[in-house]
N, C-alpha and C. Protein backbone atom coordinates (compact mmCIF):
# COMPACT_ATOMS: atom_id res chain seq x y z
N MET A 1 5.39 -6.68 -13.38
CA MET A 1 5.75 -5.37 -13.33
C MET A 1 7.58 -5.04 -14.16
N ASP A 2 7.23 -3.63 -14.76
CA ASP A 2 8.37 -3.20 -15.51
C ASP A 2 9.58 -3.25 -14.16
N PRO A 3 11.18 -3.39 -14.51
CA PRO A 3 11.75 -3.62 -13.13
C PRO A 3 12.51 -2.21 -13.07
N ASP A 4 11.98 -1.33 -14.23
CA ASP A 4 12.54 0.24 -13.89
C ASP A 4 11.70 0.43 -13.06
N LEU A 5 9.99 0.31 -13.18
CA LEU A 5 9.07 0.84 -12.79
C LEU A 5 9.23 1.85 -11.59
N TRP A 6 9.63 1.16 -10.71
CA TRP A 6 9.80 1.64 -9.18
C TRP A 6 10.85 2.62 -9.00
N LYS A 7 11.68 2.87 -10.16
CA LYS A 7 12.26 3.95 -9.90
C LYS A 7 11.55 5.56 -10.42
N LEU A 8 10.38 5.38 -11.27
CA LEU A 8 9.51 6.39 -11.43
C LEU A 8 8.70 6.62 -10.71
N MET A 9 8.22 5.72 -9.81
CA MET A 9 7.34 6.21 -8.92
C MET A 9 7.46 7.19 -8.28
N VAL A 10 8.53 7.74 -7.90
CA VAL A 10 9.29 8.49 -6.97
C VAL A 10 10.50 9.07 -7.57
N PRO A 11 10.34 10.49 -8.06
CA PRO A 11 11.12 11.02 -8.76
C PRO A 11 12.44 11.06 -7.67
N GLU A 12 12.42 11.61 -6.89
CA GLU A 12 13.66 11.85 -5.97
C GLU A 12 14.13 10.09 -5.62
N TYR A 13 14.13 9.45 -6.07
CA TYR A 13 14.91 7.94 -5.68
C TYR A 13 16.18 7.99 -5.80
N GLY A 14 16.89 8.74 -6.21
CA GLY A 14 18.53 8.51 -6.04
C GLY A 14 18.52 9.74 -4.97
N ALA A 15 18.07 10.41 -4.25
CA ALA A 15 18.15 11.39 -3.24
C ALA A 15 17.81 10.27 -1.96
N ARG A 16 16.82 9.65 -2.44
CA ARG A 16 16.21 9.03 -1.18
C ARG A 16 17.36 7.43 -1.08
N ASN A 17 17.44 7.46 -2.02
CA ASN A 17 18.50 6.06 -1.84
C ASN A 17 19.92 6.39 -1.36
N ASP A 18 20.35 7.54 -1.30
CA ASP A 18 21.92 7.83 -1.00
C ASP A 18 21.75 8.33 0.37
N MET A 19 20.32 8.69 1.01
CA MET A 19 20.11 9.23 2.49
C MET A 19 19.69 7.95 3.20
N GLY A 20 19.71 6.99 2.63
CA GLY A 20 19.44 5.74 2.96
C GLY A 20 17.75 5.31 3.58
N TRP A 21 16.97 5.79 2.68
CA TRP A 21 15.65 6.11 3.14
C TRP A 21 15.04 4.46 2.12
N HIS A 22 15.71 4.18 1.26
CA HIS A 22 15.19 3.08 0.51
C HIS A 22 15.07 1.62 0.92
N ASN A 23 14.16 1.08 1.10
CA ASN A 23 14.30 -0.21 1.86
C ASN A 23 13.04 -0.68 1.51
N SER A 24 12.52 -1.91 1.66
CA SER A 24 11.25 -2.41 1.27
C SER A 24 9.70 -1.94 2.11
N TRP A 25 9.93 -1.23 3.41
CA TRP A 25 8.68 -0.58 3.45
C TRP A 25 8.54 0.14 2.53
N ASP A 26 9.29 1.51 2.15
CA ASP A 26 9.51 2.28 0.92
C ASP A 26 9.04 1.76 0.14
N LYS A 27 9.55 1.07 -0.25
CA LYS A 27 9.01 0.48 -2.01
C LYS A 27 7.71 0.05 -1.73
N LEU A 28 7.16 -0.88 -0.48
CA LEU A 28 6.13 -1.04 -0.10
C LEU A 28 5.01 -0.13 -0.66
N LEU A 29 4.98 0.91 -0.04
CA LEU A 29 3.99 2.18 0.19
C LEU A 29 4.42 3.06 -1.39
N ARG A 30 5.43 2.77 -1.71
CA ARG A 30 5.64 3.37 -3.25
C ARG A 30 5.06 2.78 -4.24
N TRP A 31 4.59 1.37 -4.29
CA TRP A 31 3.93 0.33 -5.30
C TRP A 31 3.01 0.49 -4.93
N ILE A 32 2.05 0.48 -3.64
CA ILE A 32 0.64 0.98 -3.16
C ILE A 32 0.17 2.24 -3.97
N ARG A 33 1.56 3.07 -3.70
CA ARG A 33 1.02 4.29 -4.56
C ARG A 33 0.52 4.60 -6.10
N TYR A 34 1.46 3.59 -6.70
CA TYR A 34 1.49 3.61 -7.76
C TYR A 34 -0.08 3.15 -8.20
N VAL A 35 -0.34 1.97 -7.42
CA VAL A 35 -1.44 0.96 -8.08
C VAL A 35 -2.60 1.54 -7.64
N ASP A 36 -2.62 2.66 -6.57
CA ASP A 36 -3.61 3.53 -6.45
C ASP A 36 -4.04 4.52 -7.55
N GLU A 37 -2.67 5.49 -8.08
CA GLU A 37 -2.79 5.81 -8.96
C GLU A 37 -3.11 5.36 -10.20
N TYR A 38 -2.36 4.12 -10.44
CA TYR A 38 -2.70 3.73 -11.96
C TYR A 38 -4.20 3.15 -11.45
N ASN A 39 -5.28 3.14 -10.86
CA ASN A 39 -6.58 2.59 -11.11
C ASN A 39 -7.29 4.09 -10.43
N GLY A 40 -6.82 4.85 -10.54
CA GLY A 40 -7.50 6.11 -10.88
C GLY A 40 -8.42 6.55 -9.70
N THR A 41 -7.82 6.12 -8.78
CA THR A 41 -8.55 6.82 -7.40
C THR A 41 -8.04 8.08 -7.13
N GLY A 42 -7.06 8.70 -7.03
CA GLY A 42 -6.54 9.61 -6.65
C GLY A 42 -6.10 10.10 -5.64
N LYS A 43 -6.56 9.39 -4.66
CA LYS A 43 -5.59 9.39 -3.20
C LYS A 43 -4.75 9.62 -3.02
N GLU A 44 -4.30 10.53 -2.19
CA GLU A 44 -3.00 10.98 -1.64
C GLU A 44 -2.66 10.40 -0.21
N GLY A 45 -1.37 10.34 -0.31
CA GLY A 45 -1.48 9.85 1.70
C GLY A 45 -1.53 8.38 1.74
N PHE A 46 -0.95 8.48 3.02
CA PHE A 46 -1.05 6.81 3.35
C PHE A 46 -1.48 6.45 4.47
N GLY A 47 -2.66 7.68 4.50
CA GLY A 47 -3.62 6.86 5.79
C GLY A 47 -4.00 5.82 6.09
N ASP A 48 -4.33 4.88 7.43
CA ASP A 48 -4.61 3.75 7.61
C ASP A 48 -5.95 3.14 6.63
N ASP A 49 -6.61 4.22 6.40
CA ASP A 49 -7.75 3.62 5.41
C ASP A 49 -7.54 3.44 4.01
N ALA A 50 -6.27 4.36 3.56
CA ALA A 50 -6.24 4.19 2.29
C ALA A 50 -4.93 2.97 1.78
N VAL A 51 -4.23 2.96 2.93
CA VAL A 51 -3.79 1.80 2.96
C VAL A 51 -3.98 0.47 3.01
N LEU A 52 -5.39 0.09 3.82
CA LEU A 52 -6.30 -1.06 3.55
C LEU A 52 -7.15 -1.04 2.30
N ASP A 53 -7.43 0.26 2.00
CA ASP A 53 -8.37 0.15 0.94
C ASP A 53 -7.12 -0.52 -0.30
N GLN A 54 -6.18 0.13 -0.63
CA GLN A 54 -5.35 -0.61 -1.47
C GLN A 54 -4.94 -2.00 -1.26
N LEU A 55 -4.39 -2.62 -0.36
CA LEU A 55 -4.14 -3.77 -0.25
C LEU A 55 -5.57 -4.51 -0.61
N GLU A 56 -6.69 -4.54 -0.21
CA GLU A 56 -7.65 -4.79 -0.79
C GLU A 56 -7.72 -5.32 -2.24
N LYS A 57 -7.31 -4.12 -3.06
CA LYS A 57 -7.06 -4.02 -4.60
C LYS A 57 -6.09 -4.96 -5.47
N ILE A 58 -5.22 -4.99 -4.44
CA ILE A 58 -3.80 -5.77 -5.32
C ILE A 58 -3.57 -6.94 -5.00
N THR A 59 -4.55 -7.71 -4.15
CA THR A 59 -4.75 -9.14 -3.60
C THR A 59 -4.44 -10.14 -4.75
N SER A 60 -4.61 -9.70 -5.78
CA SER A 60 -4.31 -11.40 -7.06
C SER A 60 -3.14 -11.38 -7.16
N LYS A 61 -3.25 -12.97 -7.42
CA LYS A 61 -1.69 -13.80 -7.09
C LYS A 61 -0.45 -12.98 -8.46
N GLU A 62 -0.92 -12.18 -9.34
CA GLU A 62 -0.49 -11.72 -10.08
C GLU A 62 0.29 -10.41 -9.30
N ASN A 63 -0.56 -9.88 -8.95
CA ASN A 63 0.21 -8.66 -8.28
C ASN A 63 0.96 -8.86 -7.03
N LEU A 64 0.69 -9.88 -5.98
CA LEU A 64 1.32 -9.97 -5.28
C LEU A 64 2.91 -10.36 -5.59
N VAL A 65 3.00 -11.41 -6.44
CA VAL A 65 4.46 -11.97 -6.83
C VAL A 65 4.77 -10.75 -7.42
N SER A 66 4.40 -9.90 -8.13
CA SER A 66 5.11 -8.59 -8.90
C SER A 66 5.77 -7.73 -7.88
N LEU A 67 4.98 -7.82 -6.68
CA LEU A 67 5.24 -6.83 -5.34
C LEU A 67 6.42 -7.74 -4.79
N PHE A 68 6.41 -8.81 -4.27
CA PHE A 68 7.70 -9.55 -3.53
C PHE A 68 8.79 -9.56 -4.57
N GLU A 69 8.34 -9.93 -6.14
CA GLU A 69 9.62 -9.98 -6.48
C GLU A 69 10.34 -8.35 -6.91
N TRP A 70 9.66 -7.76 -6.95
CA TRP A 70 10.62 -5.71 -6.88
C TRP A 70 10.78 -6.05 -5.42
N ILE A 71 10.35 -6.02 -4.40
CA ILE A 71 10.97 -5.48 -3.06
C ILE A 71 12.47 -6.72 -2.85
N GLY A 72 12.31 -7.95 -3.95
CA GLY A 72 13.68 -8.39 -3.60
C GLY A 72 14.67 -8.19 -4.48
N GLN A 73 14.65 -7.32 -4.90
CA GLN A 73 15.36 -6.77 -5.75
C GLN A 73 16.16 -5.96 -5.38
N GLU A 74 16.70 -5.86 -3.59
CA GLU A 74 17.40 -4.99 -3.57
C GLU A 74 18.98 -5.44 -3.59
């Protein structure tokens, strides 16, 4: 994953970061949303079913390595 990609996922990243909302859980949710949009499913929000559906889609080794490398960039 492009190291700067997560900055594009949520346009208000800077404001969120300044307010202290920037954490690993926030990154995980934004990454799942990115994968969701990239896969063209068009789902909105993070209801339990939406999160579980996306986690099933991203369980490849390559995607998981990418996810944890990205989360570790704090």
